[in-house]
Amino acid sequence: MSNTPMAASPLTRAVLEIDEYASGLGWDQPARLFALVDTARLRAQEPALADQLGLGGESETSGLTPVEQDEISADRPLDEFLGTIAWPDAVAGCALTVERLMLPPSAEASVPEGLDEAGLAKWVARHPDRQEVRMTVAVLRDGARESALRLREKDAPTEVLTGPDLVPGLAEALVATFED
């Protein structure tokens, strides 16, 4: 967590920790899903796992520890995959990091009509103003949310944009994974 501000909320720190982890893996990576668990609870209930994750000697008690889940299948649409998730009570929240192509709002007027999803994706991929972005979105059971956005062309920790409402649709999909 070297680039994570300690004054930030535990959720913001977790999002930035995941962003830093994903950054270390490089670009063109698959989507990654994380369970967020209360660090103090993890240390108390699973001390061996906490030691394995390097949490044994930390004094912070209000943090969240991201635990990466199994790889997300690339052949399944992300929204369909998220609809299949159910979290155990020990999971305080979850996070997802995913790369996408983005266009500026000014490009919206030039989108050709009648394109299906595959056609639209191809059109965006060829657009001269497209930008590659890595989005890391996290939510807690109580509905709290945080996001981090990193552009490939500005790939530096000081250029990461954070905020709770940067990717509202993805945040809503993650909140839905906690509904009964």
C-alpha atoms as a PDB file:
ATOM      1  CA  MET A   1       0.000   0.000   0.000  1.00  0.00           C
ATOM      2  CA  SER A   2       2.882   2.354  -0.613  1.00  0.00           C
ATOM      3  CA  ASN A   3       0.822   4.878  -2.605  1.00  0.00           C
ATOM      4  CA  THR A   4      -2.291   4.678  -0.462  1.00  0.00           C
ATOM      5  CA  PRO A   5      -3.034   7.669   1.784  1.00  0.00           C
ATOM      6  CA  MET A   6      -3.464   6.552   5.388  1.00  0.00           C
ATOM      7  CA  ALA A   7      -6.041   9.283   6.064  1.00  0.00           C
ATOM      8  CA  ALA A   8      -8.381   7.735   3.474  1.00  0.00           C
ATOM      9  CA  SER A   9     -11.289   5.530   4.524  1.00  0.00           C
ATOM     10  CA  PRO A  10     -10.660   1.774   4.728  1.00  0.00           C
ATOM     11  CA  LEU A  11     -12.699   1.309   1.532  1.00  0.00           C
ATOM     12  CA  THR A  12     -10.653   3.907  -0.375  1.00  0.00           C
ATOM     13  CA  ARG A  13      -7.437   2.315   0.872  1.00  0.00           C
ATOM     14  CA  ALA A  14      -8.655  -1.115  -0.304  1.00  0.00           C
ATOM     15  CA  VAL A  15      -9.555   0.230  -3.765  1.00  0.00           C
ATOM     16  CA  LEU A  16      -6.162   1.891  -4.126  1.00  0.00           C
ATOM     17  CA  GLU A  17      -4.393  -1.250  -2.910  1.00  0.00           C
ATOM     18  CA  ILE A  18      -6.215  -3.317  -5.547  1.00  0.00           C
ATOM     19  CA  ASP A  19      -5.456  -0.687  -8.216  1.00  0.00           C
ATOM     20  CA  GLU A  20      -1.766  -0.808  -7.283  1.00  0.00           C
ATOM     21  CA  TYR A  21      -1.803  -4.620  -7.399  1.00  0.00           C
ATOM     22  CA  ALA A  22      -3.491  -4.630 -10.826  1.00  0.00           C
ATOM     23  CA  SER A  23      -1.040  -2.006 -12.057  1.00  0.00           C
ATOM     24  CA  GLY A  24       1.845  -4.267 -11.090  1.00  0.00           C
ATOM     25  CA  LEU A  25       0.403  -7.006 -13.322  1.00  0.00           C
ATOM     26  CA  GLY A  26       0.422  -4.707 -16.358  1.00  0.00           C
ATOM     27  CA  TRP A  27      -2.276  -4.001 -18.902  1.00  0.00           C
ATOM     28  CA  ASP A  28      -4.382  -6.369 -21.008  1.00  0.00           C
ATOM     29  CA  GLN A  29      -5.370  -8.428 -17.979  1.00  0.00           C
ATOM     30  CA  PRO A  30      -8.656 -10.242 -17.354  1.00  0.00           C
ATOM     31  CA  ALA A  31     -11.206  -8.893 -14.901  1.00  0.00           C
ATOM     32  CA  ARG A  32     -10.391  -9.744 -11.278  1.00  0.00           C
ATOM     33  CA  LEU A  33     -12.840 -10.161  -8.405  1.00  0.00           C
ATOM     34  CA  PHE A  34     -11.947  -9.628  -4.735  1.00  0.00           C
ATOM     35  CA  ALA A  35     -13.729 -10.326  -1.479  1.00  0.00           C
ATOM     36  CA  LEU A  36     -13.160  -7.568   1.085  1.00  0.00           C
ATOM     37  CA  VAL A  37     -12.856  -8.882   4.614  1.00  0.00           C
ATOM     38  CA  ASP A  38     -12.483  -7.017   7.882  1.00  0.00           C
ATOM     39  CA  THR A  39      -8.771  -7.230   8.696  1.00  0.00           C
ATOM     40  CA  ALA A  40      -9.209  -7.472  12.484  1.00  0.00           C
ATOM     41  CA  ARG A  41     -11.836 -10.203  12.107  1.00  0.00           C
ATOM     42  CA  LEU A  42      -9.587 -12.083   9.694  1.00  0.00           C
ATOM     43  CA  ARG A  43      -6.673 -11.925  12.155  1.00  0.00           C
ATOM     44  CA  ALA A  44      -8.874 -13.140  15.018  1.00  0.00           C
ATOM     45  CA  GLN A  45     -10.720 -15.919  13.166  1.00  0.00           C
ATOM     46  CA  GLU A  46      -8.092 -17.062  10.656  1.00  0.00           C
ATOM     47  CA  PRO A  47      -4.641 -16.262  12.103  1.00  0.00           C
ATOM     48  CA  ALA A  48      -2.819 -18.686   9.777  1.00  0.00           C
ATOM     49  CA  LEU A  49      -4.422 -17.102   6.708  1.00  0.00           C
ATOM     50  CA  ALA A  50      -3.698 -13.623   8.084  1.00  0.00           C
ATOM     51  CA  ASP A  51      -0.040 -14.595   8.485  1.00  0.00           C
ATOM     52  CA  GLN A  52       0.008 -16.030   4.962  1.00  0.00           C
ATOM     53  CA  LEU A  53      -1.362 -12.698   3.672  1.00  0.00           C
ATOM     54  CA  GLY A  54       1.262 -10.788   5.657  1.00  0.00           C
ATOM     55  CA  LEU A  55      -1.221  -9.310   8.144  1.00  0.00           C
ATOM     56  CA  GLY A  56       0.146 -10.838  11.335  1.00  0.00           C
ATOM     57  CA  GLY A  57       2.022  -7.868  12.776  1.00  0.00           C
ATOM     58  CA  GLU A  58      -0.046  -4.888  11.639  1.00  0.00           C
ATOM     59  CA  SER A  59      -1.555  -2.693  14.309  1.00  0.00           C
ATOM     60  CA  GLU A  60      -4.366  -1.243  12.165  1.00  0.00           C
ATOM     61  CA  THR A  61      -7.717  -2.682  13.175  1.00  0.00           C
ATOM     62  CA  SER A  62     -10.177  -0.824  10.946  1.00  0.00           C
ATOM     63  CA  GLY A  63      -8.880  -1.980   7.564  1.00  0.00           C
ATOM     64  CA  LEU A  64     -10.232  -4.166   4.826  1.00  0.00           C
ATOM     65  CA  THR A  65      -8.166  -6.938   3.290  1.00  0.00           C
ATOM     66  CA  PRO A  66      -8.769  -7.753  -0.387  1.00  0.00           C
ATOM     67  CA  VAL A  67      -8.744 -11.488  -1.121  1.00  0.00           C
ATOM     68  CA  GLU A  68      -8.598 -12.321  -4.818  1.00  0.00           C
ATOM     69  CA  GLN A  69     -11.169 -14.872  -5.971  1.00  0.00           C
ATOM     70  CA  ASP A  70     -10.947 -17.457  -8.729  1.00  0.00           C
ATOM     71  CA  GLU A  71     -10.422 -16.150 -12.244  1.00  0.00           C
ATOM     72  CA  ILE A  72     -13.475 -14.816 -14.047  1.00  0.00           C
ATOM     73  CA  SER A  73     -14.271 -16.718 -17.230  1.00  0.00           C
ATOM     74  CA  ALA A  74     -13.773 -14.555 -20.313  1.00  0.00           C
ATOM     75  CA  ASP A  75     -16.514 -16.431 -22.225  1.00  0.00           C
ATOM     76  CA  ARG A  76     -19.264 -15.215 -19.944  1.00  0.00           C
ATOM     77  CA  PRO A  77     -20.607 -11.649 -19.951  1.00  0.00           C
ATOM     78  CA  LEU A  78     -19.547  -9.845 -16.779  1.00  0.00           C
ATOM     79  CA  ASP A  79     -23.092  -8.858 -15.769  1.00  0.00           C
ATOM     80  CA  GLU A  80     -24.231 -12.475 -16.139  1.00  0.00           C
ATOM     81  CA  PHE A  81     -21.291 -13.692 -14.028  1.00  0.00           C
ATOM     82  CA  LEU A  82     -21.963 -11.133 -11.276  1.00  0.00           C
ATOM     83  CA  GLY A  83     -25.582 -12.318 -11.138  1.00  0.00           C
ATOM     84  CA  THR A  84     -24.369 -15.736  -9.963  1.00  0.00           C
ATOM     85  CA  ILE A  85     -22.371 -14.525  -6.955  1.00  0.00           C
ATOM     86  CA  ALA A  86     -23.445 -14.936  -3.343  1.00  0.00           C
ATOM     87  CA  TRP A  87     -21.099 -13.935  -0.534  1.00  0.00           C
ATOM     88  CA  PRO A  88     -20.811 -15.572   2.912  1.00  0.00           C
ATOM     89  CA  ASP A  89     -21.466 -13.394   5.972  1.00  0.00           C
ATOM     90  CA  ALA A  90     -17.735 -13.051   6.687  1.00  0.00           C
ATOM     91  CA  VAL A  91     -17.316 -10.966   3.517  1.00  0.00           C
ATOM     92  CA  ALA A  92     -17.769  -7.249   4.279  1.00  0.00           C
ATOM     93  CA  GLY A  93     -17.665  -6.137   0.654  1.00  0.00           C
ATOM     94  CA  CYS A  94     -16.316  -6.912  -2.766  1.00  0.00           C
ATOM     95  CA  ALA A  95     -14.309  -5.269  -5.511  1.00  0.00           C
ATOM     96  CA  LEU A  96     -13.787  -5.769  -9.202  1.00  0.00           C
ATOM     97  CA  THR A  97     -11.059  -4.504 -11.456  1.00  0.00           C
ATOM     98  CA  VAL A  98     -11.700  -4.518 -15.189  1.00  0.00           C
ATOM     99  CA  GLU A  99     -10.216  -2.870 -18.269  1.00  0.00           C
ATOM    100  CA  ARG A 100     -12.397  -1.200 -20.862  1.00  0.00           C
ATOM    101  CA  LEU A 101     -12.222   1.163 -23.830  1.00  0.00           C
ATOM    102  CA  MET A 102     -13.787   4.536 -23.225  1.00  0.00           C
ATOM    103  CA  LEU A 103     -14.767   7.397 -25.504  1.00  0.00           C
ATOM    104  CA  PRO A 104     -15.149  11.049 -24.575  1.00  0.00           C
ATOM    105  CA  PRO A 105     -18.747  12.329 -24.375  1.00  0.00           C
ATOM    106  CA  SER A 106     -18.165  14.293 -27.592  1.00  0.00           C
ATOM    107  CA  ALA A 107     -17.959  10.989 -29.526  1.00  0.00           C
ATOM    108  CA  GLU A 108     -21.516  10.007 -28.574  1.00  0.00           C
ATOM    109  CA  ALA A 109     -23.064  11.998 -31.404  1.00  0.00           C
ATOM    110  CA  SER A 110     -21.015  10.118 -34.011  1.00  0.00           C
ATOM    111  CA  VAL A 111     -22.031   6.574 -32.992  1.00  0.00           C
ATOM    112  CA  PRO A 112     -23.535   4.864 -36.047  1.00  0.00           C
ATOM    113  CA  GLU A 113     -27.137   3.772 -35.590  1.00  0.00           C
ATOM    114  CA  GLY A 114     -28.193   0.145 -35.679  1.00  0.00           C
ATOM    115  CA  LEU A 115     -25.006  -1.403 -34.311  1.00  0.00           C
ATOM    116  CA  ASP A 116     -25.324  -4.496 -32.178  1.00  0.00           C
ATOM    117  CA  GLU A 117     -23.080  -4.928 -29.126  1.00  0.00           C
ATOM    118  CA  ALA A 118     -20.262  -6.567 -31.128  1.00  0.00           C
ATOM    119  CA  GLY A 119     -20.445  -3.913 -33.840  1.00  0.00           C
ATOM    120  CA  LEU A 120     -20.365  -1.126 -31.290  1.00  0.00           C
ATOM    121  CA  ALA A 121     -17.321  -2.685 -29.585  1.00  0.00           C
ATOM    122  CA  LYS A 122     -15.480  -2.840 -32.923  1.00  0.00           C
ATOM    123  CA  TRP A 123     -16.419   0.758 -33.723  1.00  0.00           C
ATOM    124  CA  VAL A 124     -15.157   1.967 -30.322  1.00  0.00           C
ATOM    125  CA  ALA A 125     -11.920  -0.048 -30.710  1.00  0.00           C
ATOM    126  CA  ARG A 126     -11.188   1.759 -34.002  1.00  0.00           C
ATOM    127  CA  HIS A 127     -12.196   5.234 -32.825  1.00  0.00           C
ATOM    128  CA  PRO A 128      -9.208   7.648 -32.788  1.00  0.00           C
ATOM    129  CA  ASP A 129     -10.276   9.210 -29.446  1.00  0.00           C
ATOM    130  CA  ARG A 130     -10.635   5.920 -27.553  1.00  0.00           C
ATOM    131  CA  GLN A 131      -8.837   5.550 -24.242  1.00  0.00           C
ATOM    132  CA  GLU A 132      -8.007   2.401 -22.342  1.00  0.00           C
ATOM    133  CA  VAL A 133      -9.034   2.590 -18.715  1.00  0.00           C
ATOM    134  CA  ARG A 134      -8.700   0.269 -15.737  1.00  0.00           C
ATOM    135  CA  MET A 135     -11.631   0.591 -13.354  1.00  0.00           C
ATOM    136  CA  THR A 136     -11.513  -0.717  -9.820  1.00  0.00           C
ATOM    137  CA  VAL A 137     -14.865  -0.547  -8.068  1.00  0.00           C
ATOM    138  CA  ALA A 138     -15.580  -1.669  -4.501  1.00  0.00           C
ATOM    139  CA  VAL A 139     -18.741  -1.798  -2.422  1.00  0.00           C
ATOM    140  CA  LEU A 140     -19.609  -2.755   1.122  1.00  0.00           C
ATOM    141  CA  ARG A 141     -22.710  -4.580   2.330  1.00  0.00           C
ATOM    142  CA  ASP A 142     -24.084  -1.294   3.705  1.00  0.00           C
ATOM    143  CA  GLY A 143     -23.997   0.243   0.209  1.00  0.00           C
ATOM    144  CA  ALA A 144     -20.823   2.329   0.620  1.00  0.00           C
ATOM    145  CA  ARG A 145     -18.850   2.460  -2.603  1.00  0.00           C
ATOM    146  CA  GLU A 146     -15.540   3.669  -3.988  1.00  0.00           C
ATOM    147  CA  SER A 147     -13.861   3.606  -7.388  1.00  0.00           C
ATOM    148  CA  ALA A 148     -10.443   4.173  -8.892  1.00  0.00           C
ATOM    149  CA  LEU A 149      -9.858   4.934 -12.570  1.00  0.00           C
ATOM    150  CA  ARG A 150      -6.473   4.710 -14.259  1.00  0.00           C
ATOM    151  CA  LEU A 151      -5.931   5.653 -17.905  1.00  0.00           C
ATOM    152  CA  ARG A 152      -3.350   3.632 -19.787  1.00  0.00           C
ATOM    153  CA  GLU A 153      -1.850   6.797 -21.258  1.00  0.00           C
ATOM    154  CA  LYS A 154      -1.436   8.279 -17.757  1.00  0.00           C
ATOM    155  CA  ASP A 155      -0.352   5.113 -15.990  1.00  0.00           C
ATOM    156  CA  ALA A 156       1.030   6.535 -12.752  1.00  0.00           C
ATOM    157  CA  PRO A 157      -0.187   6.285  -9.134  1.00  0.00           C
ATOM    158  CA  THR A 158      -0.456  10.078  -8.955  1.00  0.00           C
ATOM    159  CA  GLU A 159      -2.862  10.073 -11.930  1.00  0.00           C
ATOM    160  CA  VAL A 160      -5.441   7.691 -10.434  1.00  0.00           C
ATOM    161  CA  LEU A 161      -8.850   9.309 -10.072  1.00  0.00           C
ATOM    162  CA  THR A 162     -10.966   8.184  -7.103  1.00  0.00           C
ATOM    163  CA  GLY A 163     -14.547   8.780  -6.059  1.00  0.00           C
ATOM    164  CA  PRO A 164     -17.696   6.925  -5.033  1.00  0.00           C
ATOM    165  CA  ASP A 165     -19.725   7.642  -8.179  1.00  0.00           C
ATOM    166  CA  LEU A 166     -17.251   7.200 -11.051  1.00  0.00           C
ATOM    167  CA  VAL A 167     -18.696   3.889 -12.305  1.00  0.00           C
ATOM    168  CA  PRO A 168     -22.264   3.775 -10.935  1.00  0.00           C
ATOM    169  CA  GLY A 169     -23.520   0.896 -13.086  1.00  0.00           C
ATOM    170  CA  LEU A 170     -20.723  -1.428 -12.019  1.00  0.00           C
ATOM    171  CA  ALA A 171     -21.124  -0.361  -8.385  1.00  0.00           C
ATOM    172  CA  GLU A 172     -24.837  -1.225  -8.551  1.00  0.00           C
ATOM    173  CA  ALA A 173     -24.034  -4.637 -10.050  1.00  0.00           C
ATOM    174  CA  LEU A 174     -21.588  -5.327  -7.209  1.00  0.00           C
ATOM    175  CA  VAL A 175     -24.088  -4.177  -4.545  1.00  0.00           C
ATOM    176  CA  ALA A 176     -26.588  -6.636  -6.051  1.00  0.00           C
ATOM    177  CA  THR A 177     -24.223  -9.521  -5.219  1.00  0.00           C
ATOM    178  CA  PHE A 178     -25.111  -8.936  -1.535  1.00  0.00           C
ATOM    179  CA  GLU A 179     -28.882  -9.010  -2.021  1.00  0.00           C
ATOM    180  CA  ASP A 180     -30.801 -12.112  -0.959  1.00  0.00           C
END
